[in-house]
Protein backbone atom coordinates (compact mmCIF):
# COMPACT_ATOMS: atom_id res chain seq x y z
CA MET A 1 12.79 127.70 77.08
CA THR A 2 12.67 124.68 74.34
CA VAL A 3 14.32 127.04 71.72
CA TYR A 4 16.98 127.99 73.89
CA ALA A 5 17.97 124.30 74.66
CA LEU A 6 17.78 123.46 71.20
CA ALA A 7 20.10 126.00 70.22
CA PHE A 8 22.55 125.04 72.65
CA GLY A 9 22.44 121.64 71.83
CA MET A 10 22.84 122.13 68.20
CA SER A 11 25.60 124.62 68.60
CA LEU A 12 27.50 122.23 70.84
CA ALA A 13 27.27 119.37 68.53
CA LEU A 14 28.34 121.33 65.62
CA SER A 15 31.31 122.99 67.36
CA LEU A 16 32.62 119.39 68.23
CA ALA A 17 32.08 118.30 64.71
CA LEU A 18 33.52 121.45 63.00
CA THR A 19 36.46 122.37 65.29
CA PRO A 20 38.53 119.68 63.76
CA LEU A 21 37.80 120.72 60.28
CA ALA A 22 38.98 124.27 61.16
CA ARG A 23 42.29 122.78 62.62
CA LYS A 24 42.91 121.08 59.29
CA LEU A 25 42.03 124.09 57.18
CA ALA A 26 44.36 126.30 59.44
CA CYS A 27 47.12 123.61 58.84
CA ARG A 28 46.57 123.85 55.16
CA TRP A 29 46.53 127.39 55.10
CA GLY A 30 49.41 127.80 57.32
CA ALA A 31 47.71 129.77 60.03
CA ILE A 32 50.10 128.23 62.64
CA VAL A 33 50.97 130.11 65.86
CA MET A 34 54.67 129.72 66.50
CA PRO A 35 56.15 129.55 70.11
CA HIS A 36 57.80 132.91 70.94
CA ASP A 37 58.70 134.98 73.92
CA ARG A 38 55.23 136.66 73.98
CA LYS A 39 53.44 133.39 74.19
CA VAL A 40 53.28 130.62 76.70
CA HIS A 41 52.65 127.64 74.30
CA GLU A 42 55.74 125.52 73.61
CA ARG A 43 54.64 123.95 70.30
CA PRO A 44 53.21 125.25 66.83
CA THR A 45 49.58 125.34 67.18
CA PRO A 46 46.98 125.85 64.46
CA THR A 47 44.62 128.62 64.88
CA LEU A 48 41.26 130.08 62.99
CA GLY A 49 39.13 128.24 65.72
CA GLY A 50 36.90 131.21 65.25
CA LEU A 51 35.70 129.75 62.05
CA ALA A 52 34.23 126.80 63.94
CA ILE A 53 33.09 128.80 66.80
CA PHE A 54 31.08 131.44 64.18
CA ALA A 55 29.89 128.51 62.07
CA SER A 56 28.52 126.45 64.83
CA PHE A 57 26.71 129.51 66.37
CA ALA A 58 25.46 130.76 63.15
CA LEU A 59 23.95 127.55 61.98
CA ALA A 60 22.30 126.94 65.20
CA VAL A 61 20.69 130.01 65.23
CA LEU A 62 19.69 129.89 61.65
CA ALA A 63 18.19 126.25 62.24
CA CYS A 64 16.34 127.29 65.40
CA LEU A 65 14.64 130.08 63.26
CA ALA A 66 13.91 127.91 60.59
CA PHE A 67 12.55 125.20 62.82
CA MET A 68 10.05 127.88 64.34
CA LYS A 69 9.07 128.98 61.16
CA LEU A 70 7.89 125.50 59.81
CA SER A 71 6.90 124.14 63.02
CA ASP A 72 3.34 124.92 64.38
CA ARG A 73 4.19 123.27 67.93
CA GLY A 74 6.25 123.89 70.86
CA PHE A 75 6.62 127.43 70.48
CA PRO A 76 4.37 130.49 71.14
CA ARG A 77 2.84 132.24 68.48
CA GLY A 78 4.82 134.97 66.91
CA MET A 79 7.98 133.86 68.17
CA TRP A 80 9.50 133.75 64.68
CA GLU A 81 8.49 137.21 64.08
CA ALA A 82 9.86 138.15 67.53
CA LEU A 83 13.22 136.72 66.81
CA TRP A 84 13.99 137.42 63.16
CA THR A 85 14.07 141.18 62.79
CA PRO A 86 16.35 143.63 61.20
CA GLU A 87 18.24 144.16 64.64
CA THR A 88 19.07 140.27 64.25
CA LEU A 89 20.08 140.50 60.90
CA GLY A 90 22.35 143.34 61.65
CA ILE A 91 23.95 141.45 64.35
CA PHE A 92 24.82 138.31 61.86
CA VAL A 93 25.89 140.62 59.20
CA SER A 94 28.23 142.70 61.77
CA SER A 95 29.55 139.44 63.21
CA LEU A 96 30.27 137.99 59.80
CA MET A 97 32.66 141.23 59.15
CA ILE A 98 34.21 140.78 62.49
CA LEU A 99 34.99 137.16 61.79
CA ALA A 100 36.54 138.04 58.26
CA LEU A 101 38.62 140.98 60.13
CA GLY A 102 39.94 138.46 62.62
CA ALA A 103 40.69 135.61 60.02
CA TRP A 104 42.64 138.10 57.98
CA ASP A 105 44.58 139.08 61.02
CA ASP A 106 45.17 135.41 61.83
CA LEU A 107 46.44 134.90 58.16
CA ARG A 108 48.14 138.14 57.36
CA GLU A 109 48.74 139.97 60.69
CA LEU A 110 46.95 143.39 60.12
CA SER A 111 48.34 146.50 61.55
CA PRO A 112 46.26 147.74 65.03
CA LEU A 113 44.84 150.93 63.27
CA THR A 114 43.47 148.53 60.38
CA LYS A 115 42.04 146.24 63.05
CA LEU A 116 40.50 149.08 65.07
CA ALA A 117 39.01 150.58 61.76
CA GLY A 118 37.53 147.36 60.89
CA GLN A 119 36.05 147.11 64.34
CA ILE A 120 34.44 150.58 63.98
CA VAL A 121 33.05 149.82 60.31
CA ALA A 122 31.27 146.60 61.84
CA VAL A 123 30.00 148.15 64.77
CA LEU A 124 28.59 151.13 62.75
CA THR A 125 26.92 148.49 60.37
CA MET A 126 25.41 146.88 63.50
CA ILE A 127 24.09 150.32 64.59
CA SER A 128 22.55 151.09 61.32
CA PHE A 129 20.12 148.13 61.83
CA GLY A 130 19.09 149.50 64.98
CA VAL A 131 21.27 147.78 67.67
CA GLU A 132 22.33 150.53 69.84
CA ILE A 133 22.04 151.58 73.56
CA ARG A 134 19.33 153.93 73.65
CA SER A 135 18.99 154.41 77.58
CA VAL A 136 21.32 153.64 80.49
CA SER A 137 20.68 153.17 84.26
CA PHE A 138 23.44 153.24 86.62
CA ILE A 139 21.37 152.79 89.99
CA ARG A 140 17.74 151.43 89.90
CA GLY A 141 15.21 153.99 89.13
CA SER A 142 17.81 156.20 87.73
CA THR A 143 17.32 156.15 83.90
CA TYR A 144 19.19 158.19 81.22
CA ASP A 145 17.25 158.48 78.17
CA LEU A 146 19.47 159.02 75.01
CA SER A 147 16.75 158.97 72.40
CA GLY A 148 16.83 162.47 72.04
CA SER A 149 20.61 162.51 71.62
CA PRO A 150 21.25 160.23 68.76
CA LEU A 151 25.00 161.27 68.70
CA ALA A 152 25.43 160.15 72.23
CA SER A 153 23.92 157.13 71.62
CA LEU A 154 25.81 156.18 68.83
CA LEU A 155 29.02 157.13 70.53
CA LEU A 156 28.37 155.16 73.69
CA THR A 157 27.46 151.90 71.60
CA LEU A 158 30.61 152.40 69.56
CA LEU A 159 32.71 152.78 72.62
CA TRP A 160 30.91 149.81 74.52
CA MET A 161 31.36 147.25 71.58
CA VAL A 162 35.02 148.13 70.79
CA ALA A 163 35.66 147.64 74.44
CA PHE A 164 34.08 144.14 74.43
CA ILE A 165 35.73 143.30 71.41
CA ASN A 166 39.01 144.06 72.83
CA ILE A 167 38.72 142.87 76.56
CA ILE A 168 38.10 139.21 75.04
CA ASN A 169 40.66 139.71 72.56
CA LEU A 170 43.25 140.65 75.18
CA ILE A 171 42.45 138.07 77.74
CA ASP A 172 43.00 135.09 75.18
CA GLY A 173 46.23 134.39 76.41
CA LEU A 174 45.86 131.08 77.83
CA ASP A 175 44.55 127.69 76.68
CA GLY A 176 40.91 127.77 77.06
CA LEU A 177 40.55 131.05 78.74
CA ALA A 178 38.68 133.38 76.63
CA ALA A 179 36.56 130.58 75.41
CA GLY A 180 35.59 129.73 79.14
CA VAL A 181 34.88 133.07 80.37
CA VAL A 182 32.71 133.74 77.40
CA PHE A 183 30.88 130.41 77.99
CA ILE A 184 30.24 131.59 81.70
CA SER A 185 29.24 135.00 80.76
CA SER A 186 26.90 133.68 78.23
CA VAL A 187 25.15 131.16 80.58
CA ALA A 188 24.97 134.31 83.01
CA TYR A 189 22.92 136.20 80.36
CA LEU A 190 20.68 133.01 79.96
CA ILE A 191 20.06 133.19 83.60
CA TYR A 192 19.55 136.66 83.47
CA GLY A 193 16.74 136.19 80.68
CA SER A 194 15.10 133.49 82.42
CA LEU A 195 14.80 135.71 85.60
CA ALA A 196 13.73 139.13 83.86
CA GLU A 197 10.61 140.25 82.34
CA ARG A 198 10.55 139.16 78.69
CA GLY A 199 10.75 141.58 76.02
CA LEU A 200 11.52 141.31 72.19
CA SER A 201 15.04 142.47 72.59
CA LEU A 202 15.61 139.66 75.44
CA LEU A 203 14.28 136.92 73.42
CA GLN A 204 16.68 137.67 70.56
CA ALA A 205 19.70 137.98 73.28
CA MET A 206 18.65 134.66 74.88
CA LEU A 207 18.83 132.97 71.49
CA LEU A 208 22.40 134.18 70.61
CA ALA A 209 23.67 133.71 74.05
CA ALA A 210 22.32 129.99 74.16
CA SER A 211 24.17 129.64 70.91
CA VAL A 212 27.32 131.10 72.06
CA SER A 213 27.44 129.00 75.19
CA GLY A 214 27.25 125.80 73.10
CA SER A 215 29.53 126.87 70.39
CA THR A 216 32.26 127.79 73.18
CA LEU A 217 31.75 124.62 75.39
CA GLY A 218 32.09 122.35 72.34
CA PHE A 219 35.51 124.52 71.26
CA LEU A 220 36.79 123.88 74.79
CA ALA A 221 36.98 120.24 74.21
CA TYR A 222 39.90 121.16 71.68
CA ASN A 223 41.39 124.28 73.30
CA PHE A 224 41.38 123.39 76.81
CA ASN A 225 45.11 122.92 77.98
CA PRO A 226 46.85 121.37 76.37
CA ALA A 227 45.25 123.15 73.33
CA SER A 228 45.21 121.48 69.86
CA ILE A 229 43.88 124.52 68.22
CA PHE A 230 43.62 128.28 69.14
CA MET A 231 40.59 130.49 68.41
CA GLY A 232 42.83 133.00 67.08
CA ASP A 233 41.60 136.61 66.40
CA SER A 234 38.95 135.28 64.36
CA GLY A 235 37.44 133.86 67.40
CA ALA A 236 38.22 136.35 69.87
CA LEU A 237 36.94 139.24 68.10
CA PHE A 238 33.80 137.52 67.30
CA LEU A 239 33.06 136.44 70.69
CA GLY A 240 33.87 139.98 72.29
CA PHE A 241 31.39 141.47 69.48
CA ILE A 242 28.40 139.06 70.00
CA MET A 243 28.75 139.24 73.90
CA GLY A 244 28.84 143.14 73.49
CA ALA A 245 25.74 142.84 71.21
CA VAL A 246 23.77 140.31 73.43
CA SER A 247 24.56 142.84 76.57
CA ILE A 248 23.06 145.51 74.65
CA GLN A 249 19.98 143.55 73.27
CA GLY A 250 19.44 141.65 76.94
CA ILE A 251 20.27 144.23 79.42
CA LEU A 252 20.78 147.84 78.39
CA LYS A 253 17.44 147.95 76.43
CA ARG A 254 15.67 147.08 79.65
CA ALA A 255 17.14 150.44 81.30
CA ALA A 256 13.84 150.73 83.49
CA VAL A 257 15.15 147.79 85.41
CA ALA A 258 18.68 146.96 84.38
CA THR A 259 21.72 148.54 85.31
CA LEU A 260 24.84 149.34 83.32
CA LEU A 261 26.86 147.52 85.95
CA THR A 262 25.44 144.07 85.30
CA PRO A 263 27.26 143.23 82.21
CA ILE A 264 30.34 144.98 83.62
CA ILE A 265 30.34 143.12 86.82
CA ILE A 266 29.85 139.64 84.83
CA LEU A 267 33.10 140.50 82.73
CA LEU A 268 34.86 142.47 85.63
CA VAL A 269 38.00 140.27 85.53
CA PRO A 270 38.79 140.86 82.02
CA ILE A 271 37.88 144.41 81.78
CA ILE A 272 40.14 145.40 85.02
CA ASP A 273 42.88 143.19 83.10
CA THR A 274 42.34 145.24 80.31
CA GLY A 275 42.19 148.44 82.09
CA MET A 276 45.50 147.63 83.87
CA ALA A 277 47.23 146.63 80.60
CA ILE A 278 46.34 150.29 79.09
CA TYR A 279 47.50 151.82 82.19
CA ARG A 280 50.79 150.07 82.34
CA ARG A 281 51.59 150.68 78.71
CA LEU A 282 50.66 154.27 78.76
CA ARG A 283 52.98 154.74 82.06
CA SER A 284 55.87 153.08 80.42
CA ARG A 285 55.22 155.09 77.35
CA ARG A 286 54.75 152.21 75.04
CA PRO A 287 51.87 151.98 72.48
CA VAL A 288 48.47 150.72 73.94
CA HIS A 289 48.56 147.75 71.49
CA HIS A 290 52.18 146.74 72.58
CA ALA A 291 51.89 143.18 73.71
CA ASP A 292 53.39 141.98 77.02
CA LYS A 293 53.28 138.89 79.47
CA GLU A 294 52.11 141.09 82.47
CA HIS A 295 48.43 140.24 82.32
CA LEU A 296 46.53 138.72 85.15
CA HIS A 297 46.84 135.21 83.66
CA HIS A 298 50.77 135.82 83.34
CA ARG A 299 51.01 137.11 86.73
CA LEU A 300 49.21 133.87 88.08
CA LEU A 301 51.90 131.71 86.24
CA TYR A 302 54.71 133.84 87.70
CA LEU A 303 53.07 133.02 91.21
CA GLY A 304 53.56 129.33 90.58
CA HIS A 305 50.20 128.32 89.08
CA SER A 306 50.07 125.81 86.39
CA GLN A 307 48.21 126.87 83.14
CA ARG A 308 45.17 124.93 84.10
CA GLN A 309 45.21 126.31 87.58
CA ALA A 310 45.37 129.89 86.59
CA VAL A 311 42.43 129.42 83.96
CA LEU A 312 40.32 127.60 86.60
CA LEU A 313 40.88 130.28 88.92
CA ILE A 314 39.76 133.03 86.35
CA TYR A 315 36.68 130.62 85.74
CA LEU A 316 36.05 130.76 89.60
CA TRP A 317 36.38 134.51 90.04
CA THR A 318 34.04 135.02 86.77
CA VAL A 319 31.42 132.52 88.25
CA LEU A 320 31.57 134.42 91.61
CA LEU A 321 31.20 137.76 90.03
CA THR A 322 28.21 136.56 88.10
CA GLY A 323 26.51 135.64 91.24
CA VAL A 324 27.35 139.03 92.55
CA ALA A 325 25.81 140.78 89.29
CA LEU A 326 22.65 138.77 89.24
CA SER A 327 21.92 138.92 93.03
CA LEU A 328 22.47 142.67 92.73
CA GLU A 329 19.95 142.85 90.01
CA PHE A 330 17.33 140.33 91.15
CA SER A 331 17.62 139.55 94.90
CA SER A 332 16.30 141.96 97.56
CA SER A 333 18.42 140.04 100.12
CA LYS A 334 21.45 142.29 100.74
CA LEU A 335 23.04 139.30 102.69
CA LEU A 336 23.23 137.14 99.32
CA PHE A 337 24.95 140.04 97.46
CA LEU A 338 27.56 140.69 100.36
CA THR A 339 28.14 136.91 100.91
CA LEU A 340 28.95 136.25 96.96
CA LEU A 341 31.14 139.61 97.06
CA LEU A 342 33.04 138.51 100.39
CA LEU A 343 33.50 134.98 98.80
CA THR A 344 35.00 136.66 95.60
CA LEU A 345 37.34 138.83 97.85
CA ALA A 346 38.25 135.81 100.13
CA SER A 347 39.18 133.56 97.13
CA LEU A 348 41.43 136.05 95.68
CA LEU A 349 43.43 136.87 98.87
CA LEU A 350 43.47 133.12 99.91
CA ILE A 351 44.77 132.00 96.57
CA VAL A 352 46.91 134.87 95.36
CA PHE A 353 48.24 136.63 98.55
CA PRO A 354 50.13 133.45 100.01
CA ARG A 355 51.93 132.62 96.62
CA PHE A 356 52.48 136.46 96.21
CA ILE A 357 54.46 136.64 99.61
CA ARG A 358 56.36 133.50 98.94
CA ALA A 359 57.42 134.84 95.58
CA ARG A 360 58.60 138.11 97.23
CA ARG A 361 60.59 136.12 99.97
CA GLN A 362 62.09 133.84 97.24
CA GLU A 363 63.14 136.93 95.41
CA GLU A 364 64.54 138.72 98.42
CA TYR A 365 66.52 135.51 99.27
CA LEU A 366 68.07 135.35 95.68
CA ARG A 367 68.73 139.18 95.89
CA ASP A 368 70.57 138.21 99.38
CA LEU A 369 72.57 135.48 97.54
CA GLU A 370 73.55 137.60 94.77
CA GLU A 371 74.87 140.23 97.18
CA GLU A 372 76.75 137.89 99.12
CA ALA A 373 78.40 136.45 96.17
CA GLU A 374 79.24 139.84 94.81
CA GLY A 375 80.94 140.62 98.58
CA LEU A 376 82.74 137.36 98.64
CA GLY A 377 84.04 138.07 94.99
CA GLY A 378 85.18 141.59 96.01
CA GLU A 379 87.09 140.26 99.17
CA ASN A 380 88.70 137.74 96.88
CA GLY A 381 89.87 140.32 94.74
CA ARG A 382 91.07 142.61 97.19
CA SER A 383 93.16 139.61 98.95
CA ALA A 384 94.49 138.65 95.60
């Protein structure tokens, strides 16, 4: 675990040091997000925080690899060869492409089709280096081998990665929300790796997850409400991409024991939010990429929660769902799984439902007042 602790510590320190530089760079380049009706922040805020997140992540990974290459102590033999592979290189190259795409969008605001095309190109580049879903398992013991169907493997990997990229992008609507959810998820992948039987791809995934957790935690020092910098699309697209790649390398390549449900449950909150957003826009015949203020975090604000409360609630649900996913995968006790699941549902009902009822009553009360006022106005009109 030494290398993972080193990766976490270095990426955390680098993120704390580099984020103020990214903020200055954003101000110099004019990458400022102004307040408007689709945003909840109230003052101009620099973006491009993704540059600091990526730089701290990449430098930490490369430094750990270099240290293992040069050092003869503290690491198992062959660790360097196990971690520095074409797949690792492919993830680096592709994530750099995603970062450039997001940064370009932060500066110039690309069209949705251009962003989607860029995401597809980056994912296809990653696949060309051998990072792809070759088998999946929905239920333990039921494994579907995709090695005989390269097209199915490619399409599933492409769909998986594009979905991950966009669910993180869509949840990035409140200060600290996306960075915190990714931090919790990356720690979950580290815990998963520590409990699972080690393999080559899992070692790679754990190193990436450790670096991501440190870089996002450091960034949260500046991004938690009230945020002094946003990660922007450069950060959201990169974090979605790297979490998708980590889930493939760390979980889905262990299909003999892993299930497809594990990474889905860990990120179930943003996945449900994205699914509801797509359904909502299709139902109202709006483009899928059309932004609105009806996401889960917006609804929590409408129920009376502050920004910090809304973000912390989503953190809580993500932590509980992480426990559900890990207990489902590793615990033989159904009691633990059911307890965590019930805690998740209970927290949702106890926190949201009373405020929802109170908000509905307030709406009914205001509606009654309006009707009463209209009635009095009509009577006054007739008497006049």
